Amino acid sequence: MMTKIYLAVKVYVTFHLLYELWGFLFRRKMYGLWDKLYRWARVIRIILQRWDKKLEAARLERRKRHEMRETA
């Protein structure tokens, strides 16, 4: 009997905490924060794409030099 009560209380507390967290994350005050985070995520994605292109170009250049050395 005590186990069932204990489990019921744990389930209730878990759902209540999740409900409060949901309300905190998605209330109107947080929308400004979400917009800022989304903007930063886009900026970081663009920076990482540019960095990846530079690394890929460097890899291709090393590969060309390596092939030239092997053929010579």
N, C-alpha and C. Protein backbone atom coordinates (compact mmCIF):
# COMPACT_ATOMS: atom_id res chain seq x y z
N MET A 1 0.81 -1.19 0.00
CA MET A 1 0.00 0.00 0.00
C MET A 1 0.86 1.26 0.00
N MET A 2 1.89 1.26 0.84
CA MET A 2 2.78 2.42 0.92
C MET A 2 3.52 2.62 -0.41
N THR A 3 3.84 1.53 -1.06
CA THR A 3 4.55 1.62 -2.33
C THR A 3 3.69 2.31 -3.38
N LYS A 4 2.41 2.00 -3.41
CA LYS A 4 1.50 2.63 -4.37
C LYS A 4 1.36 4.13 -4.10
N ILE A 5 1.26 4.50 -2.82
CA ILE A 5 1.17 5.92 -2.48
C ILE A 5 2.46 6.64 -2.87
N TYR A 6 3.58 6.03 -2.53
CA TYR A 6 4.88 6.60 -2.86
C TYR A 6 5.01 6.80 -4.38
N LEU A 7 4.62 5.80 -5.14
CA LEU A 7 4.69 5.89 -6.60
C LEU A 7 3.75 6.97 -7.14
N ALA A 8 2.54 7.05 -6.57
CA ALA A 8 1.58 8.06 -7.01
C ALA A 8 2.12 9.47 -6.75
N VAL A 9 2.73 9.68 -5.60
CA VAL A 9 3.29 10.99 -5.27
C VAL A 9 4.44 11.31 -6.21
N LYS A 10 5.29 10.36 -6.49
CA LYS A 10 6.42 10.58 -7.40
C LYS A 10 5.93 10.94 -8.81
N VAL A 11 4.91 10.25 -9.29
CA VAL A 11 4.35 10.51 -10.61
C VAL A 11 3.74 11.91 -10.64
N TYR A 12 2.98 12.27 -9.60
CA TYR A 12 2.36 13.59 -9.53
C TYR A 12 3.42 14.69 -9.53
N VAL A 13 4.44 14.54 -8.70
CA VAL A 13 5.49 15.55 -8.61
C VAL A 13 6.22 15.68 -9.95
N THR A 14 6.48 14.58 -10.61
CA THR A 14 7.17 14.62 -11.89
C THR A 14 6.34 15.37 -12.93
N PHE A 15 5.05 15.05 -13.02
CA PHE A 15 4.21 15.74 -14.00
C PHE A 15 4.04 17.22 -13.65
N HIS A 16 3.95 17.52 -12.38
CA HIS A 16 3.82 18.92 -11.97
C HIS A 16 5.07 19.71 -12.34
N LEU A 17 6.24 19.15 -12.10
CA LEU A 17 7.49 19.83 -12.46
C LEU A 17 7.61 20.01 -13.97
N LEU A 18 7.23 19.00 -14.74
CA LEU A 18 7.27 19.12 -16.20
C LEU A 18 6.29 20.19 -16.69
N TYR A 19 5.11 20.27 -16.06
CA TYR A 19 4.12 21.29 -16.42
C TYR A 19 4.67 22.69 -16.13
N GLU A 20 5.29 22.87 -14.97
CA GLU A 20 5.86 24.18 -14.63
C GLU A 20 7.01 24.54 -15.56
N LEU A 21 7.83 23.58 -15.91
CA LEU A 21 8.93 23.83 -16.84
C LEU A 21 8.39 24.22 -18.21
N TRP A 22 7.36 23.54 -18.68
CA TRP A 22 6.74 23.87 -19.95
C TRP A 22 6.22 25.31 -19.94
N GLY A 23 5.54 25.68 -18.87
CA GLY A 23 5.03 27.04 -18.75
C GLY A 23 6.14 28.07 -18.71
N PHE A 24 7.23 27.77 -18.04
CA PHE A 24 8.35 28.70 -17.97
C PHE A 24 9.01 28.88 -19.33
N LEU A 25 9.21 27.79 -20.04
CA LEU A 25 9.93 27.88 -21.31
C LEU A 25 9.13 28.54 -22.41
N PHE A 26 7.80 28.41 -22.38
CA PHE A 26 7.01 28.87 -23.51
C PHE A 26 6.07 30.03 -23.18
N ARG A 27 6.31 30.73 -22.10
CA ARG A 27 5.48 31.91 -21.87
C ARG A 27 6.01 33.08 -22.69
N ARG A 28 5.25 34.13 -22.77
CA ARG A 28 5.55 35.23 -23.69
C ARG A 28 6.89 35.89 -23.42
N LYS A 29 7.30 35.99 -22.18
CA LYS A 29 8.57 36.65 -21.86
C LYS A 29 9.76 35.91 -22.48
N MET A 30 9.61 34.64 -22.67
CA MET A 30 10.72 33.83 -23.18
C MET A 30 10.86 33.92 -24.69
N TYR A 31 9.84 34.43 -25.41
CA TYR A 31 9.93 34.47 -26.87
C TYR A 31 11.08 35.33 -27.34
N GLY A 32 11.37 36.43 -26.66
CA GLY A 32 12.51 37.26 -27.03
C GLY A 32 13.81 36.47 -26.91
N LEU A 33 13.91 35.68 -25.86
CA LEU A 33 15.11 34.86 -25.67
C LEU A 33 15.22 33.80 -26.76
N TRP A 34 14.08 33.16 -27.12
CA TRP A 34 14.11 32.15 -28.17
C TRP A 34 14.56 32.75 -29.49
N ASP A 35 14.10 33.98 -29.79
CA ASP A 35 14.50 34.64 -31.03
C ASP A 35 15.99 34.92 -31.05
N LYS A 36 16.52 35.37 -29.91
CA LYS A 36 17.96 35.63 -29.82
C LYS A 36 18.77 34.34 -29.98
N LEU A 37 18.31 33.28 -29.33
CA LEU A 37 19.02 32.00 -29.44
C LEU A 37 18.97 31.47 -30.87
N TYR A 38 17.82 31.63 -31.54
CA TYR A 38 17.70 31.17 -32.92
C TYR A 38 18.63 31.95 -33.83
N ARG A 39 18.71 33.26 -33.62
CA ARG A 39 19.60 34.10 -34.42
C ARG A 39 21.06 33.67 -34.23
N TRP A 40 21.46 33.45 -32.96
CA TRP A 40 22.83 33.01 -32.70
C TRP A 40 23.12 31.64 -33.31
N ALA A 41 22.13 30.76 -33.28
CA ALA A 41 22.32 29.43 -33.86
C ALA A 41 22.55 29.54 -35.37
N ARG A 42 21.82 30.43 -36.03
CA ARG A 42 22.03 30.62 -37.48
C ARG A 42 23.41 31.20 -37.76
N VAL A 43 23.84 32.17 -36.95
CA VAL A 43 25.16 32.78 -37.15
C VAL A 43 26.26 31.74 -36.96
N ILE A 44 26.14 30.94 -35.93
CA ILE A 44 27.15 29.91 -35.66
C ILE A 44 27.16 28.87 -36.77
N ARG A 45 25.98 28.51 -37.29
CA ARG A 45 25.93 27.54 -38.39
C ARG A 45 26.65 28.08 -39.62
N ILE A 46 26.46 29.35 -39.94
CA ILE A 46 27.12 29.95 -41.10
C ILE A 46 28.63 30.00 -40.89
N ILE A 47 29.07 30.35 -39.68
CA ILE A 47 30.50 30.39 -39.38
C ILE A 47 31.11 29.00 -39.52
N LEU A 48 30.41 27.98 -39.02
CA LEU A 48 30.92 26.61 -39.11
C LEU A 48 30.98 26.13 -40.56
N GLN A 49 30.01 26.53 -41.38
CA GLN A 49 30.04 26.14 -42.79
C GLN A 49 31.23 26.77 -43.49
N ARG A 50 31.50 28.05 -43.23
CA ARG A 50 32.67 28.70 -43.83
C ARG A 50 33.96 28.04 -43.38
N TRP A 51 34.05 27.70 -42.10
CA TRP A 51 35.24 27.06 -41.57
C TRP A 51 35.43 25.69 -42.21
N ASP A 52 34.33 24.96 -42.40
CA ASP A 52 34.41 23.64 -43.02
C ASP A 52 34.88 23.75 -44.47
N LYS A 53 34.43 24.78 -45.19
CA LYS A 53 34.88 24.98 -46.57
C LYS A 53 36.38 25.24 -46.62
N LYS A 54 36.89 26.06 -45.68
CA LYS A 54 38.33 26.34 -45.63
C LYS A 54 39.12 25.06 -45.34
N LEU A 55 38.62 24.26 -44.40
CA LEU A 55 39.31 23.01 -44.08
C LEU A 55 39.30 22.05 -45.26
N GLU A 56 38.18 21.99 -45.97
CA GLU A 56 38.08 21.11 -47.13
C GLU A 56 39.04 21.55 -48.23
N ALA A 57 39.16 22.86 -48.44
CA ALA A 57 40.10 23.37 -49.44
C ALA A 57 41.53 23.02 -49.05
N ALA A 58 41.85 23.13 -47.78
CA ALA A 58 43.19 22.77 -47.32
C ALA A 58 43.45 21.28 -47.50
N ARG A 59 42.45 20.45 -47.25
CA ARG A 59 42.61 19.00 -47.45
C ARG A 59 42.87 18.68 -48.91
N LEU A 60 42.12 19.32 -49.80
CA LEU A 60 42.31 19.09 -51.23
C LEU A 60 43.70 19.51 -51.67
N GLU A 61 44.18 20.63 -51.16
CA GLU A 61 45.51 21.11 -51.51
C GLU A 61 46.57 20.13 -51.02
N ARG A 62 46.43 19.62 -49.80
CA ARG A 62 47.40 18.63 -49.29
C ARG A 62 47.36 17.36 -50.13
N ARG A 63 46.15 16.95 -50.51
CA ARG A 63 46.01 15.74 -51.32
C ARG A 63 46.70 15.91 -52.68
N LYS A 64 46.54 17.10 -53.29
CA LYS A 64 47.20 17.37 -54.57
C LYS A 64 48.71 17.32 -54.44
N ARG A 65 49.23 17.97 -53.38
CA ARG A 65 50.68 17.96 -53.17
C ARG A 65 51.18 16.54 -52.93
N HIS A 66 50.42 15.75 -52.19
CA HIS A 66 50.81 14.37 -51.92
C HIS A 66 50.84 13.55 -53.19
N GLU A 67 49.82 13.74 -54.05
CA GLU A 67 49.78 13.00 -55.32
C GLU A 67 50.92 13.42 -56.23
N MET A 68 51.27 14.70 -56.22
CA MET A 68 52.38 15.18 -57.05
C MET A 68 53.70 14.57 -56.59
N ARG A 69 53.89 14.44 -55.28
CA ARG A 69 55.11 13.83 -54.75
C ARG A 69 55.19 12.36 -55.10
N GLU A 70 54.07 11.67 -55.08
CA GLU A 70 54.07 10.24 -55.36
C GLU A 70 54.34 9.97 -56.84
N THR A 71 53.85 10.83 -57.74
CA THR A 71 54.07 10.61 -59.16
C THR A 71 55.48 11.02 -59.59
N ALA A 72 56.13 11.88 -58.84
CA ALA A 72 57.47 12.36 -59.23
C ALA A 72 58.55 11.38 -58.87
